[in-house]
Amino acid sequence: MKLFANWHVANHADAKDRRDRFMFILLAIAMMIAMMVSAFLMLIEENKKRKAPVRTSRFGVYHHRIDL
């Protein structure tokens, strides 16, 4: 069967395909790191807000935190 003799040549990714795949993986990892950093910064901001005695609720009404 000469038809399947060169299957490895057809399936072989050339340098450009390899580079594109590598760049895509790199981009995905960079996006994950960016999401983690933004989530971490949001947690820090929430903790800062929680320590403030006066805060704004969702509806924009100022009230003192009596429940803490």
PDB file of N, CA and C in Angstrom:
ATOM      1  N   MET A   1       0.854  -1.194   0.000  1.00  0.00           N
ATOM      2  CA  MET A   1       0.000   0.000   0.000  1.00  0.00           C
ATOM      3  C   MET A   1       0.887   1.240   0.000  1.00  0.00           C
ATOM      4  N   LYS A   2       1.055   1.802  -1.186  1.00  0.00           N
ATOM      5  CA  LYS A   2       1.864   3.020  -1.262  1.00  0.00           C
ATOM      6  C   LYS A   2       1.097   4.240  -0.770  1.00  0.00           C
ATOM      7  N   LEU A   3      -0.210   4.101  -0.641  1.00  0.00           N
ATOM      8  CA  LEU A   3      -1.048   5.237  -0.254  1.00  0.00           C
ATOM      9  C   LEU A   3      -0.689   5.735   1.148  1.00  0.00           C
ATOM     10  N   PHE A   4      -0.421   4.805   2.067  1.00  0.00           N
ATOM     11  CA  PHE A   4      -0.133   5.173   3.453  1.00  0.00           C
ATOM     12  C   PHE A   4       1.359   5.178   3.764  1.00  0.00           C
ATOM     13  N   ALA A   5       2.189   5.076   2.737  1.00  0.00           N
ATOM     14  CA  ALA A   5       3.632   4.992   2.972  1.00  0.00           C
ATOM     15  C   ALA A   5       4.196   6.303   3.500  1.00  0.00           C
ATOM     16  N   ASN A   6       3.623   7.414   3.059  1.00  0.00           N
ATOM     17  CA  ASN A   6       4.167   8.724   3.438  1.00  0.00           C
ATOM     18  C   ASN A   6       3.222   9.478   4.376  1.00  0.00           C
ATOM     19  N   TRP A   7       2.490   8.766   5.224  1.00  0.00           N
ATOM     20  CA  TRP A   7       1.544   9.444   6.117  1.00  0.00           C
ATOM     21  C   TRP A   7       2.255  10.370   7.092  1.00  0.00           C
ATOM     22  N   HIS A   8       3.482   9.996   7.518  1.00  0.00           N
ATOM     23  CA  HIS A   8       4.201  10.825   8.485  1.00  0.00           C
ATOM     24  C   HIS A   8       4.628  12.146   7.863  1.00  0.00           C
ATOM     25  N   VAL A   9       4.847  12.182   6.547  1.00  0.00           N
ATOM     26  CA  VAL A   9       5.210  13.430   5.878  1.00  0.00           C
ATOM     27  C   VAL A   9       3.998  14.346   5.821  1.00  0.00           C
ATOM     28  N   ALA A  10       2.821  13.776   5.554  1.00  0.00           N
ATOM     29  CA  ALA A  10       1.606  14.582   5.453  1.00  0.00           C
ATOM     30  C   ALA A  10       1.208  15.135   6.818  1.00  0.00           C
ATOM     31  N   ASN A  11       1.425  14.352   7.875  1.00  0.00           N
ATOM     32  CA  ASN A  11       1.018  14.790   9.207  1.00  0.00           C
ATOM     33  C   ASN A  11       2.066  15.647   9.897  1.00  0.00           C
ATOM     34  N   HIS A  12       3.235  15.745   9.308  1.00  0.00           N
ATOM     35  CA  HIS A  12       4.316  16.484   9.952  1.00  0.00           C
ATOM     36  C   HIS A  12       4.037  17.980   9.897  1.00  0.00           C
ATOM     37  N   ALA A  13       4.038  18.632  11.063  1.00  0.00           N
ATOM     38  CA  ALA A  13       3.814  20.080  11.109  1.00  0.00           C
ATOM     39  C   ALA A  13       5.114  20.789  10.760  1.00  0.00           C
ATOM     40  N   ASP A  14       5.033  21.711   9.811  1.00  0.00           N
ATOM     41  CA  ASP A  14       6.249  22.447   9.457  1.00  0.00           C
ATOM     42  C   ASP A  14       6.518  23.526  10.500  1.00  0.00           C
ATOM     43  N   ALA A  15       7.607  24.271  10.292  1.00  0.00           N
ATOM     44  CA  ALA A  15       8.065  25.222  11.311  1.00  0.00           C
ATOM     45  C   ALA A  15       7.029  26.309  11.577  1.00  0.00           C
ATOM     46  N   LYS A  16       6.345  26.777  10.540  1.00  0.00           N
ATOM     47  CA  LYS A  16       5.367  27.857  10.732  1.00  0.00           C
ATOM     48  C   LYS A  16       4.192  27.372  11.581  1.00  0.00           C
ATOM     49  N   ASP A  17       3.705  26.163  11.292  1.00  0.00           N
ATOM     50  CA  ASP A  17       2.605  25.615  12.090  1.00  0.00           C
ATOM     51  C   ASP A  17       3.021  25.433  13.542  1.00  0.00           C
ATOM     52  N   ARG A  18       4.250  24.953  13.741  1.00  0.00           N
ATOM     53  CA  ARG A  18       4.745  24.770  15.108  1.00  0.00           C
ATOM     54  C   ARG A  18       4.825  26.101  15.828  1.00  0.00           C
ATOM     55  N   ARG A  19       5.324  27.130  15.129  1.00  0.00           N
ATOM     56  CA  ARG A  19       5.446  28.451  15.747  1.00  0.00           C
ATOM     57  C   ARG A  19       4.067  29.012  16.078  1.00  0.00           C
ATOM     58  N   ASP A  20       3.117  28.838  15.158  1.00  0.00           N
ATOM     59  CA  ASP A  20       1.766  29.340  15.411  1.00  0.00           C
ATOM     60  C   ASP A  20       1.141  28.639  16.612  1.00  0.00           C
ATOM     61  N   ARG A  21       1.340  27.315  16.709  1.00  0.00           N
ATOM     62  CA  ARG A  21       0.797  26.566  17.837  1.00  0.00           C
ATOM     63  C   ARG A  21       1.442  27.025  19.138  1.00  0.00           C
ATOM     64  N   PHE A  22       2.767  27.233  19.094  1.00  0.00           N
ATOM     65  CA  PHE A  22       3.493  27.689  20.284  1.00  0.00           C
ATOM     66  C   PHE A  22       3.006  29.067  20.716  1.00  0.00           C
ATOM     67  N   MET A  23       2.795  29.973  19.734  1.00  0.00           N
ATOM     68  CA  MET A  23       2.329  31.316  20.071  1.00  0.00           C
ATOM     69  C   MET A  23       0.922  31.270  20.659  1.00  0.00           C
ATOM     70  N   PHE A  24       0.083  30.375  20.147  1.00  0.00           N
ATOM     71  CA  PHE A  24      -1.274  30.247  20.679  1.00  0.00           C
ATOM     72  C   PHE A  24      -1.250  29.764  22.125  1.00  0.00           C
ATOM     73  N   ILE A  25      -0.396  28.777  22.404  1.00  0.00           N
ATOM     74  CA  ILE A  25      -0.284  28.260  23.769  1.00  0.00           C
ATOM     75  C   ILE A  25       0.261  29.346  24.694  1.00  0.00           C
ATOM     76  N   LEU A  26       1.254  30.097  24.201  1.00  0.00           N
ATOM     77  CA  LEU A  26       1.825  31.188  24.987  1.00  0.00           C
ATOM     78  C   LEU A  26       0.765  32.242  25.291  1.00  0.00           C
ATOM     79  N   LEU A  27      -0.051  32.565  24.293  1.00  0.00           N
ATOM     80  CA  LEU A  27      -1.120  33.547  24.475  1.00  0.00           C
ATOM     81  C   LEU A  27      -2.130  33.052  25.509  1.00  0.00           C
ATOM     82  N   ALA A  28      -2.481  31.770  25.451  1.00  0.00           N
ATOM     83  CA  ALA A  28      -3.443  31.213  26.403  1.00  0.00           C
ATOM     84  C   ALA A  28      -2.894  31.279  27.824  1.00  0.00           C
ATOM     85  N   ILE A  29      -1.610  30.952  27.992  1.00  0.00           N
ATOM     86  CA  ILE A  29      -0.988  31.009  29.321  1.00  0.00           C
ATOM     87  C   ILE A  29      -0.946  32.447  29.821  1.00  0.00           C
ATOM     88  N   ALA A  30      -0.601  33.386  28.930  1.00  0.00           N
ATOM     89  CA  ALA A  30      -0.553  34.800  29.320  1.00  0.00           C
ATOM     90  C   ALA A  30      -1.934  35.293  29.741  1.00  0.00           C
ATOM     91  N   MET A  31      -2.977  34.853  29.046  1.00  0.00           N
ATOM     92  CA  MET A  31      -4.334  35.266  29.412  1.00  0.00           C
ATOM     93  C   MET A  31      -4.719  34.697  30.779  1.00  0.00           C
ATOM     94  N   MET A  32      -4.330  33.453  31.053  1.00  0.00           N
ATOM     95  CA  MET A  32      -4.623  32.861  32.364  1.00  0.00           C
ATOM     96  C   MET A  32      -3.937  33.647  33.477  1.00  0.00           C
ATOM     97  N   ILE A  33      -2.668  33.997  33.252  1.00  0.00           N
ATOM     98  CA  ILE A  33      -1.922  34.759  34.258  1.00  0.00           C
ATOM     99  C   ILE A  33      -2.575  36.121  34.465  1.00  0.00           C
ATOM    100  N   ALA A  34      -2.997  36.772  33.374  1.00  0.00           N
ATOM    101  CA  ALA A  34      -3.647  38.084  33.483  1.00  0.00           C
ATOM    102  C   ALA A  34      -4.948  37.979  34.274  1.00  0.00           C
ATOM    103  N   MET A  35      -5.722  36.907  34.048  1.00  0.00           N
ATOM    104  CA  MET A  35      -6.972  36.723  34.788  1.00  0.00           C
ATOM    105  C   MET A  35      -6.692  36.507  36.270  1.00  0.00           C
ATOM    106  N   MET A  36      -5.653  35.724  36.587  1.00  0.00           N
ATOM    107  CA  MET A  36      -5.307  35.490  37.992  1.00  0.00           C
ATOM    108  C   MET A  36      -4.894  36.788  38.675  1.00  0.00           C
ATOM    109  N   VAL A  37      -4.072  37.589  37.987  1.00  0.00           N
ATOM    110  CA  VAL A  37      -3.609  38.853  38.566  1.00  0.00           C
ATOM    111  C   VAL A  37      -4.791  39.781  38.795  1.00  0.00           C
ATOM    112  N   SER A  38      -5.711  39.864  37.829  1.00  0.00           N
ATOM    113  CA  SER A  38      -6.857  40.761  37.995  1.00  0.00           C
ATOM    114  C   SER A  38      -7.756  40.283  39.134  1.00  0.00           C
ATOM    115  N   ALA A  39      -7.941  38.963  39.265  1.00  0.00           N
ATOM    116  CA  ALA A  39      -8.758  38.444  40.367  1.00  0.00           C
ATOM    117  C   ALA A  39      -8.102  38.747  41.708  1.00  0.00           C
ATOM    118  N   PHE A  40      -6.779  38.605  41.769  1.00  0.00           N
ATOM    119  CA  PHE A  40      -6.042  38.901  42.997  1.00  0.00           C
ATOM    120  C   PHE A  40      -6.184  40.376  43.372  1.00  0.00           C
ATOM    121  N   LEU A  41      -6.056  41.259  42.369  1.00  0.00           N
ATOM    122  CA  LEU A  41      -6.202  42.691  42.635  1.00  0.00           C
ATOM    123  C   LEU A  41      -7.625  43.021  43.082  1.00  0.00           C
ATOM    124  N   MET A  42      -8.622  42.354  42.502  1.00  0.00           N
ATOM    125  CA  MET A  42      -9.997  42.596  42.924  1.00  0.00           C
ATOM    126  C   MET A  42     -10.212  42.156  44.368  1.00  0.00           C
ATOM    127  N   LEU A  43      -9.604  41.038  44.769  1.00  0.00           N
ATOM    128  CA  LEU A  43      -9.707  40.593  46.160  1.00  0.00           C
ATOM    129  C   LEU A  43      -9.089  41.618  47.099  1.00  0.00           C
ATOM    130  N   ILE A  44      -7.925  42.155  46.720  1.00  0.00           N
ATOM    131  CA  ILE A  44      -7.270  43.165  47.556  1.00  0.00           C
ATOM    132  C   ILE A  44      -8.160  44.397  47.685  1.00  0.00           C
ATOM    133  N   GLU A  45      -8.765  44.826  46.565  1.00  0.00           N
ATOM    134  CA  GLU A  45      -9.656  45.992  46.602  1.00  0.00           C
ATOM    135  C   GLU A  45     -10.861  45.723  47.506  1.00  0.00           C
ATOM    136  N   GLU A  46     -11.417  44.517  47.443  1.00  0.00           N
ATOM    137  CA  GLU A  46     -12.560  44.176  48.296  1.00  0.00           C
ATOM    138  C   GLU A  46     -12.174  44.242  49.770  1.00  0.00           C
ATOM    139  N   ASN A  47     -10.986  43.751  50.105  1.00  0.00           N
ATOM    140  CA  ASN A  47     -10.543  43.794  51.497  1.00  0.00           C
ATOM    141  C   ASN A  47     -10.340  45.225  51.961  1.00  0.00           C
ATOM    142  N   LYS A  48      -9.836  46.074  51.083  1.00  0.00           N
ATOM    143  CA  LYS A  48      -9.670  47.487  51.444  1.00  0.00           C
ATOM    144  C   LYS A  48     -11.028  48.122  51.697  1.00  0.00           C
ATOM    145  N   LYS A  49     -11.999  47.799  50.838  1.00  0.00           N
ATOM    146  CA  LYS A  49     -13.341  48.374  50.968  1.00  0.00           C
ATOM    147  C   LYS A  49     -13.994  47.918  52.259  1.00  0.00           C
ATOM    148  N   ARG A  50     -13.754  46.670  52.636  1.00  0.00           N
ATOM    149  CA  ARG A  50     -14.403  46.107  53.810  1.00  0.00           C
ATOM    150  C   ARG A  50     -13.941  46.798  55.087  1.00  0.00           C
ATOM    151  N   LYS A  51     -12.698  47.287  55.089  1.00  0.00           N
ATOM    152  CA  LYS A  51     -12.173  47.953  56.287  1.00  0.00           C
ATOM    153  C   LYS A  51     -12.708  49.371  56.439  1.00  0.00           C
ATOM    154  N   ALA A  52     -13.243  49.956  55.357  1.00  0.00           N
ATOM    155  CA  ALA A  52     -13.748  51.331  55.430  1.00  0.00           C
ATOM    156  C   ALA A  52     -15.059  51.354  56.219  1.00  0.00           C
ATOM    157  N   PRO A  53     -15.245  52.327  57.132  1.00  0.00           N
ATOM    158  CA  PRO A  53     -16.462  52.370  57.942  1.00  0.00           C
ATOM    159  C   PRO A  53     -17.699  52.752  57.128  1.00  0.00           C
ATOM    160  N   VAL A  54     -17.539  53.595  56.111  1.00  0.00           N
ATOM    161  CA  VAL A  54     -18.668  54.018  55.288  1.00  0.00           C
ATOM    162  C   VAL A  54     -18.439  53.479  53.886  1.00  0.00           C
ATOM    163  N   ARG A  55     -19.446  52.817  53.354  1.00  0.00           N
ATOM    164  CA  ARG A  55     -19.298  52.302  51.996  1.00  0.00           C
ATOM    165  C   ARG A  55     -20.571  52.542  51.203  1.00  0.00           C
ATOM    166  N   THR A  56     -20.456  52.418  49.899  1.00  0.00           N
ATOM    167  CA  THR A  56     -21.614  52.594  49.030  1.00  0.00           C
ATOM    168  C   THR A  56     -22.184  51.222  48.718  1.00  0.00           C
ATOM    169  N   SER A  57     -23.485  51.077  48.887  1.00  0.00           N
ATOM    170  CA  SER A  57     -24.105  49.802  48.548  1.00  0.00           C
ATOM    171  C   SER A  57     -24.320  49.749  47.040  1.00  0.00           C
ATOM    172  N   ARG A  58     -24.954  48.667  46.602  1.00  0.00           N
ATOM    173  CA  ARG A  58     -25.207  48.512  45.170  1.00  0.00           C
ATOM    174  C   ARG A  58     -26.089  49.629  44.629  1.00  0.00           C
ATOM    175  N   PHE A  59     -26.963  50.159  45.462  1.00  0.00           N
ATOM    176  CA  PHE A  59     -27.954  51.123  44.990  1.00  0.00           C
ATOM    177  C   PHE A  59     -27.481  52.561  45.195  1.00  0.00           C
ATOM    178  N   GLY A  60     -26.229  52.742  45.584  1.00  0.00           N
ATOM    179  CA  GLY A  60     -25.684  54.092  45.701  1.00  0.00           C
ATOM    180  C   GLY A  60     -26.101  54.824  46.956  1.00  0.00           C
ATOM    181  N   VAL A  61     -26.575  54.104  47.985  1.00  0.00           N
ATOM    182  CA  VAL A  61     -26.997  54.749  49.229  1.00  0.00           C
ATOM    183  C   VAL A  61     -25.895  54.547  50.257  1.00  0.00           C
ATOM    184  N   TYR A  62     -25.449  55.643  50.857  1.00  0.00           N
ATOM    185  CA  TYR A  62     -24.411  55.541  51.880  1.00  0.00           C
ATOM    186  C   TYR A  62     -25.033  55.074  53.188  1.00  0.00           C
ATOM    187  N   HIS A  63     -24.374  54.152  53.873  1.00  0.00           N
ATOM    188  CA  HIS A  63     -24.845  53.722  55.184  1.00  0.00           C
ATOM    189  C   HIS A  63     -23.655  53.218  55.983  1.00  0.00           C
ATOM    190  N   HIS A  64     -23.740  53.340  57.302  1.00  0.00           N
ATOM    191  CA  HIS A  64     -22.680  52.854  58.175  1.00  0.00           C
ATOM    192  C   HIS A  64     -22.851  51.362  58.377  1.00  0.00           C
ATOM    193  N   ARG A  65     -21.712  50.676  58.512  1.00  0.00           N
ATOM    194  CA  ARG A  65     -21.763  49.231  58.724  1.00  0.00           C
ATOM    195  C   ARG A  65     -22.019  48.967  60.200  1.00  0.00           C
ATOM    196  N   ILE A  66     -23.250  48.675  60.552  1.00  0.00           N
ATOM    197  CA  ILE A  66     -23.593  48.372  61.942  1.00  0.00           C
ATOM    198  C   ILE A  66     -23.372  46.889  62.214  1.00  0.00           C
ATOM    199  N   ASP A  67     -23.492  46.061  61.162  1.00  0.00           N
ATOM    200  CA  ASP A  67     -23.456  44.614  61.357  1.00  0.00           C
ATOM    201  C   ASP A  67     -22.062  44.075  61.637  1.00  0.00           C
ATOM    202  N   LEU A  68     -21.015  44.894  61.517  1.00  0.00           N
ATOM    203  CA  LEU A  68     -19.659  44.381  61.763  1.00  0.00           C
ATOM    204  C   LEU A  68     -19.262  44.553  63.214  1.00  0.00           C
TER     205      LEU A  68
END
